[in-house]
């Protein structure tokens, strides 16, 4: 099998947009999850076309949202889509070893982590997440605006930590998934 040609960041972004449009009206998942796809990725490894950092919320399923199948997306999930060294290491791996040219930080409406950062003062390990979100949103109390600020913060962390520049060939985009409609809004 010959090496799959890697998509550019713009080609990957267009593929995500098209997949989301398909998802919005779908009744069932559209990605290839066939035994053949499983075997192909087992035999030849993964070749995802995009990296998605998404919230752990059970309503946010990147593979479904973008009509993707096995091996299509390199998904990193963490409550509140916050970034730390573990997530950055995963992004670095997917970009440098798997050849992904697009990173998408996918926040979502009705996010419990953003709500907790605005309206509550949790303790324990949850506080690590809400403190990171509070740093991103500062005194913002509108849920949607806070979500966007939190996504923007993660985008900036990725760009700064990995030294991504406009000519590096790697693009980082923020996006918000609207739970009610299924639509992804790229910021």
C-alpha atoms as a PDB file:
ATOM      1  CA  UNK A   1       0.000   0.000   0.000  1.00  0.00           C
ATOM      2  CA  UNK A   2       1.384   3.390  -0.911  1.00  0.00           C
ATOM      3  CA  UNK A   3       1.602   6.207   1.624  1.00  0.00           C
ATOM      4  CA  UNK A   4      -1.582   8.256   1.733  1.00  0.00           C
ATOM      5  CA  UNK A   5      -1.107  11.832   0.570  1.00  0.00           C
ATOM      6  CA  UNK A   6      -1.528  14.141   3.569  1.00  0.00           C
ATOM      7  CA  UNK A   7      -4.167  16.820   3.332  1.00  0.00           C
ATOM      8  CA  UNK A   8      -3.260  20.461   3.743  1.00  0.00           C
ATOM      9  CA  UNK A   9      -4.846  22.340   6.649  1.00  0.00           C
ATOM     10  CA  UNK A  10      -7.348  23.971   4.269  1.00  0.00           C
ATOM     11  CA  UNK A  11      -8.288  20.642   2.670  1.00  0.00           C
ATOM     12  CA  UNK A  12      -8.765  19.083   6.113  1.00  0.00           C
ATOM     13  CA  UNK A  13     -10.898  22.028   7.252  1.00  0.00           C
ATOM     14  CA  UNK A  14     -13.113  21.694   4.174  1.00  0.00           C
ATOM     15  CA  UNK A  15     -13.471  17.960   4.829  1.00  0.00           C
ATOM     16  CA  UNK A  16     -14.566  18.715   8.417  1.00  0.00           C
ATOM     17  CA  UNK A  17     -17.086  21.297   7.208  1.00  0.00           C
ATOM     18  CA  UNK A  18     -18.553  18.879   4.661  1.00  0.00           C
ATOM     19  CA  UNK A  19     -18.726  16.109   7.249  1.00  0.00           C
ATOM     20  CA  UNK A  20     -20.532  18.395   9.690  1.00  0.00           C
ATOM     21  CA  UNK A  21     -23.091  19.351   7.022  1.00  0.00           C
ATOM     22  CA  UNK A  22     -23.727  15.652   6.423  1.00  0.00           C
ATOM     23  CA  UNK A  23     -24.086  15.050  10.183  1.00  0.00           C
ATOM     24  CA  UNK A  24     -26.632  17.834  10.730  1.00  0.00           C
ATOM     25  CA  UNK A  25     -29.310  15.981   8.781  1.00  0.00           C
ATOM     26  CA  UNK A  26     -28.169  12.398   9.425  1.00  0.00           C
ATOM     27  CA  UNK A  27     -30.201   9.799  11.280  1.00  0.00           C
ATOM     28  CA  UNK A  28     -27.260   7.400  11.673  1.00  0.00           C
ATOM     29  CA  UNK A  29     -23.478   7.674  11.762  1.00  0.00           C
ATOM     30  CA  UNK A  30     -21.840   8.166   8.381  1.00  0.00           C
ATOM     31  CA  UNK A  31     -18.176   7.385   9.066  1.00  0.00           C
ATOM     32  CA  UNK A  32     -16.575   4.147   7.886  1.00  0.00           C
ATOM     33  CA  UNK A  33     -16.413   1.819  10.891  1.00  0.00           C
ATOM     34  CA  UNK A  34     -16.394  -1.371   8.814  1.00  0.00           C
ATOM     35  CA  UNK A  35     -14.328  -4.461   9.616  1.00  0.00           C
ATOM     36  CA  UNK A  36     -12.263  -3.590   6.524  1.00  0.00           C
ATOM     37  CA  UNK A  37     -11.472  -0.120   7.908  1.00  0.00           C
ATOM     38  CA  UNK A  38     -10.469  -1.645  11.246  1.00  0.00           C
ATOM     39  CA  UNK A  39      -8.213  -4.169   9.538  1.00  0.00           C
ATOM     40  CA  UNK A  40      -6.669  -1.540   7.255  1.00  0.00           C
ATOM     41  CA  UNK A  41      -5.710   0.693  10.193  1.00  0.00           C
ATOM     42  CA  UNK A  42      -4.464  -2.359  12.094  1.00  0.00           C
ATOM     43  CA  UNK A  43      -2.239  -3.443   9.214  1.00  0.00           C
ATOM     44  CA  UNK A  44      -1.095  -0.025   7.995  1.00  0.00           C
ATOM     45  CA  UNK A  45      -1.456   2.290  10.991  1.00  0.00           C
ATOM     46  CA  UNK A  46      -3.472   5.429  11.409  1.00  0.00           C
ATOM     47  CA  UNK A  47      -3.432   8.380   9.032  1.00  0.00           C
ATOM     48  CA  UNK A  48      -5.801  10.962  10.533  1.00  0.00           C
ATOM     49  CA  UNK A  49      -6.372  14.135   8.569  1.00  0.00           C
ATOM     50  CA  UNK A  50      -7.093  16.397  11.577  1.00  0.00           C
ATOM     51  CA  UNK A  51      -6.483  16.700  15.308  1.00  0.00           C
ATOM     52  CA  UNK A  52      -9.549  17.560  17.383  1.00  0.00           C
ATOM     53  CA  UNK A  53      -9.322  18.718  21.016  1.00  0.00           C
ATOM     54  CA  UNK A  54     -12.832  18.330  22.379  1.00  0.00           C
ATOM     55  CA  UNK A  55     -14.631  18.351  25.691  1.00  0.00           C
ATOM     56  CA  UNK A  56     -15.332  15.020  27.381  1.00  0.00           C
ATOM     57  CA  UNK A  57     -19.072  15.817  27.392  1.00  0.00           C
ATOM     58  CA  UNK A  58     -20.958  12.703  26.245  1.00  0.00           C
ATOM     59  CA  UNK A  59     -22.997  14.810  23.790  1.00  0.00           C
ATOM     60  CA  UNK A  60     -19.860  15.890  21.902  1.00  0.00           C
ATOM     61  CA  UNK A  61     -18.666  13.051  19.660  1.00  0.00           C
ATOM     62  CA  UNK A  62     -16.164  14.424  17.120  1.00  0.00           C
ATOM     63  CA  UNK A  63     -16.209  11.357  14.872  1.00  0.00           C
ATOM     64  CA  UNK A  64     -19.992  11.652  14.527  1.00  0.00           C
ATOM     65  CA  UNK A  65     -20.063  15.458  14.350  1.00  0.00           C
ATOM     66  CA  UNK A  66     -17.673  15.380  11.371  1.00  0.00           C
ATOM     67  CA  UNK A  67     -19.035  12.158   9.783  1.00  0.00           C
ATOM     68  CA  UNK A  68     -15.624  10.546  10.235  1.00  0.00           C
ATOM     69  CA  UNK A  69     -14.684   6.894  10.549  1.00  0.00           C
ATOM     70  CA  UNK A  70     -11.923   4.792  12.021  1.00  0.00           C
ATOM     71  CA  UNK A  71      -8.524   6.411  11.551  1.00  0.00           C
ATOM     72  CA  UNK A  72      -9.857   9.739  10.224  1.00  0.00           C
ATOM     73  CA  UNK A  73      -9.469  11.968  13.307  1.00  0.00           C
ATOM     74  CA  UNK A  74      -6.924  12.105  16.121  1.00  0.00           C
ATOM     75  CA  UNK A  75      -9.219  13.039  19.014  1.00  0.00           C
ATOM     76  CA  UNK A  76      -8.069  14.368  22.379  1.00  0.00           C
ATOM     77  CA  UNK A  77     -10.867  14.728  24.926  1.00  0.00           C
ATOM     78  CA  UNK A  78     -10.689  16.518  28.245  1.00  0.00           C
ATOM     79  CA  UNK A  79     -13.385  18.303  30.243  1.00  0.00           C
ATOM     80  CA  UNK A  80     -13.590  21.929  29.171  1.00  0.00           C
ATOM     81  CA  UNK A  81     -11.163  21.320  26.255  1.00  0.00           C
ATOM     82  CA  UNK A  82      -8.399  22.822  28.390  1.00  0.00           C
ATOM     83  CA  UNK A  83      -4.740  22.384  27.491  1.00  0.00           C
ATOM     84  CA  UNK A  84      -1.886  21.100  29.611  1.00  0.00           C
ATOM     85  CA  UNK A  85       1.357  19.315  28.790  1.00  0.00           C
ATOM     86  CA  UNK A  86      -0.404  15.984  28.231  1.00  0.00           C
ATOM     87  CA  UNK A  87      -2.714  17.394  25.581  1.00  0.00           C
ATOM     88  CA  UNK A  88       0.128  19.406  24.028  1.00  0.00           C
ATOM     89  CA  UNK A  89       2.218  16.226  23.818  1.00  0.00           C
ATOM     90  CA  UNK A  90      -0.637  14.495  22.023  1.00  0.00           C
ATOM     91  CA  UNK A  91      -1.005  17.368  19.543  1.00  0.00           C
ATOM     92  CA  UNK A  92       2.763  17.408  18.966  1.00  0.00           C
ATOM     93  CA  UNK A  93       2.762  13.645  18.322  1.00  0.00           C
ATOM     94  CA  UNK A  94      -0.128  13.761  15.835  1.00  0.00           C
ATOM     95  CA  UNK A  95       1.398  16.700  13.973  1.00  0.00           C
ATOM     96  CA  UNK A  96       5.019  15.554  13.906  1.00  0.00           C
ATOM     97  CA  UNK A  97       4.623  11.757  13.616  1.00  0.00           C
ATOM     98  CA  UNK A  98       1.273  11.326  11.879  1.00  0.00           C
ATOM     99  CA  UNK A  99       1.490  14.375   9.603  1.00  0.00           C
ATOM    100  CA  UNK A 100      -1.748  16.109  10.600  1.00  0.00           C
ATOM    101  CA  UNK A 101      -1.773  19.703   9.333  1.00  0.00           C
ATOM    102  CA  UNK A 102      -4.923  20.925  11.128  1.00  0.00           C
ATOM    103  CA  UNK A 103      -5.696  21.236  14.829  1.00  0.00           C
ATOM    104  CA  UNK A 104      -9.240  22.161  15.876  1.00  0.00           C
ATOM    105  CA  UNK A 105     -10.124  23.137  19.443  1.00  0.00           C
ATOM    106  CA  UNK A 106     -13.815  22.245  19.657  1.00  0.00           C
ATOM    107  CA  UNK A 107     -15.753  23.916  22.462  1.00  0.00           C
ATOM    108  CA  UNK A 108     -19.494  23.493  22.759  1.00  0.00           C
ATOM    109  CA  UNK A 109     -22.637  25.225  23.954  1.00  0.00           C
ATOM    110  CA  UNK A 110     -24.115  24.198  27.309  1.00  0.00           C
ATOM    111  CA  UNK A 111     -20.668  23.168  28.593  1.00  0.00           C
ATOM    112  CA  UNK A 112     -20.788  22.039  32.211  1.00  0.00           C
ATOM    113  CA  UNK A 113     -17.129  22.928  32.795  1.00  0.00           C
ATOM    114  CA  UNK A 114     -17.629  26.501  31.542  1.00  0.00           C
ATOM    115  CA  UNK A 115     -20.811  26.769  33.622  1.00  0.00           C
ATOM    116  CA  UNK A 116     -18.942  25.540  36.703  1.00  0.00           C
ATOM    117  CA  UNK A 117     -16.194  28.123  36.125  1.00  0.00           C
ATOM    118  CA  UNK A 118     -18.770  30.926  35.891  1.00  0.00           C
ATOM    119  CA  UNK A 119     -21.301  29.947  38.543  1.00  0.00           C
ATOM    120  CA  UNK A 120     -19.656  27.561  41.009  1.00  0.00           C
ATOM    121  CA  UNK A 121     -16.504  27.055  43.022  1.00  0.00           C
ATOM    122  CA  UNK A 122     -15.726  23.343  42.783  1.00  0.00           C
ATOM    123  CA  UNK A 123     -12.972  21.726  44.761  1.00  0.00           C
ATOM    124  CA  UNK A 124     -10.842  18.648  44.298  1.00  0.00           C
ATOM    125  CA  UNK A 125      -9.400  17.862  40.907  1.00  0.00           C
ATOM    126  CA  UNK A 126     -12.247  19.625  39.104  1.00  0.00           C
ATOM    127  CA  UNK A 127     -10.756  22.905  40.340  1.00  0.00           C
ATOM    128  CA  UNK A 128      -7.756  22.425  38.020  1.00  0.00           C
ATOM    129  CA  UNK A 129     -10.143  22.558  35.064  1.00  0.00           C
ATOM    130  CA  UNK A 130     -12.323  25.425  36.271  1.00  0.00           C
ATOM    131  CA  UNK A 131      -9.280  27.484  37.276  1.00  0.00           C
ATOM    132  CA  UNK A 132      -7.878  27.127  33.747  1.00  0.00           C
ATOM    133  CA  UNK A 133     -11.222  28.170  32.282  1.00  0.00           C
ATOM    134  CA  UNK A 134     -11.478  31.139  34.683  1.00  0.00           C
ATOM    135  CA  UNK A 135      -8.069  32.374  33.508  1.00  0.00           C
ATOM    136  CA  UNK A 136      -9.360  32.217  29.937  1.00  0.00           C
ATOM    137  CA  UNK A 137     -12.756  33.859  30.489  1.00  0.00           C
ATOM    138  CA  UNK A 138     -11.783  36.332  33.222  1.00  0.00           C
ATOM    139  CA  UNK A 139     -15.036  38.045  34.327  1.00  0.00           C
ATOM    140  CA  UNK A 140     -17.200  36.971  31.358  1.00  0.00           C
ATOM    141  CA  UNK A 141     -20.591  35.628  32.486  1.00  0.00           C
ATOM    142  CA  UNK A 142     -22.260  34.961  29.130  1.00  0.00           C
ATOM    143  CA  UNK A 143     -21.985  31.203  28.514  1.00  0.00           C
ATOM    144  CA  UNK A 144     -21.454  31.453  24.749  1.00  0.00           C
ATOM    145  CA  UNK A 145     -18.877  34.252  24.972  1.00  0.00           C
ATOM    146  CA  UNK A 146     -17.094  32.386  27.779  1.00  0.00           C
ATOM    147  CA  UNK A 147     -17.019  29.244  25.634  1.00  0.00           C
ATOM    148  CA  UNK A 148     -15.425  31.203  22.774  1.00  0.00           C
ATOM    149  CA  UNK A 149     -12.848  32.787  25.093  1.00  0.00           C
ATOM    150  CA  UNK A 150     -11.974  29.370  26.499  1.00  0.00           C
ATOM    151  CA  UNK A 151     -11.503  27.961  22.984  1.00  0.00           C
ATOM    152  CA  UNK A 152      -9.373  30.980  22.043  1.00  0.00           C
ATOM    153  CA  UNK A 153      -7.181  30.419  25.106  1.00  0.00           C
ATOM    154  CA  UNK A 154      -6.519  26.791  24.114  1.00  0.00           C
ATOM    155  CA  UNK A 155      -5.759  27.827  20.529  1.00  0.00           C
ATOM    156  CA  UNK A 156      -3.236  30.388  21.808  1.00  0.00           C
ATOM    157  CA  UNK A 157      -1.635  27.870  24.175  1.00  0.00           C
ATOM    158  CA  UNK A 158      -1.160  25.401  21.318  1.00  0.00           C
ATOM    159  CA  UNK A 159       0.276  28.020  18.976  1.00  0.00           C
ATOM    160  CA  UNK A 160       2.621  29.449  21.603  1.00  0.00           C
ATOM    161  CA  UNK A 161       3.766  26.181  23.144  1.00  0.00           C
ATOM    162  CA  UNK A 162       4.429  24.411  19.863  1.00  0.00           C
ATOM    163  CA  UNK A 163       5.830  27.506  18.111  1.00  0.00           C
ATOM    164  CA  UNK A 164       3.262  27.436  15.319  1.00  0.00           C
ATOM    165  CA  UNK A 165       3.659  30.244  12.821  1.00  0.00           C
ATOM    166  CA  UNK A 166       1.668  31.058   9.656  1.00  0.00           C
ATOM    167  CA  UNK A 167       4.372  29.437   7.511  1.00  0.00           C
ATOM    168  CA  UNK A 168       4.789  26.280   9.623  1.00  0.00           C
ATOM    169  CA  UNK A 169       2.214  24.344   7.584  1.00  0.00           C
ATOM    170  CA  UNK A 170       0.212  23.552  10.719  1.00  0.00           C
ATOM    171  CA  UNK A 171      -3.011  25.471  11.265  1.00  0.00           C
ATOM    172  CA  UNK A 172      -4.893  25.810  14.564  1.00  0.00           C
ATOM    173  CA  UNK A 173      -8.592  26.748  14.442  1.00  0.00           C
ATOM    174  CA  UNK A 174     -11.147  27.310  17.148  1.00  0.00           C
ATOM    175  CA  UNK A 175     -14.704  26.078  16.785  1.00  0.00           C
ATOM    176  CA  UNK A 176     -17.936  25.800  18.756  1.00  0.00           C
ATOM    177  CA  UNK A 177     -20.299  22.849  18.443  1.00  0.00           C
ATOM    178  CA  UNK A 178     -23.931  23.865  18.921  1.00  0.00           C
ATOM    179  CA  UNK A 179     -25.521  20.995  20.813  1.00  0.00           C
ATOM    180  CA  UNK A 180     -29.078  21.956  19.827  1.00  0.00           C
ATOM    181  CA  UNK A 181     -28.551  22.075  16.039  1.00  0.00           C
ATOM    182  CA  UNK A 182     -25.462  19.903  15.553  1.00  0.00           C
ATOM    183  CA  UNK A 183     -23.737  22.682  13.611  1.00  0.00           C
ATOM    184  CA  UNK A 184     -20.065  23.504  14.079  1.00  0.00           C
ATOM    185  CA  UNK A 185     -19.191  27.191  13.924  1.00  0.00           C
ATOM    186  CA  UNK A 186     -15.539  27.780  13.029  1.00  0.00           C
ATOM    187  CA  UNK A 187     -14.254  30.897  14.770  1.00  0.00           C
END
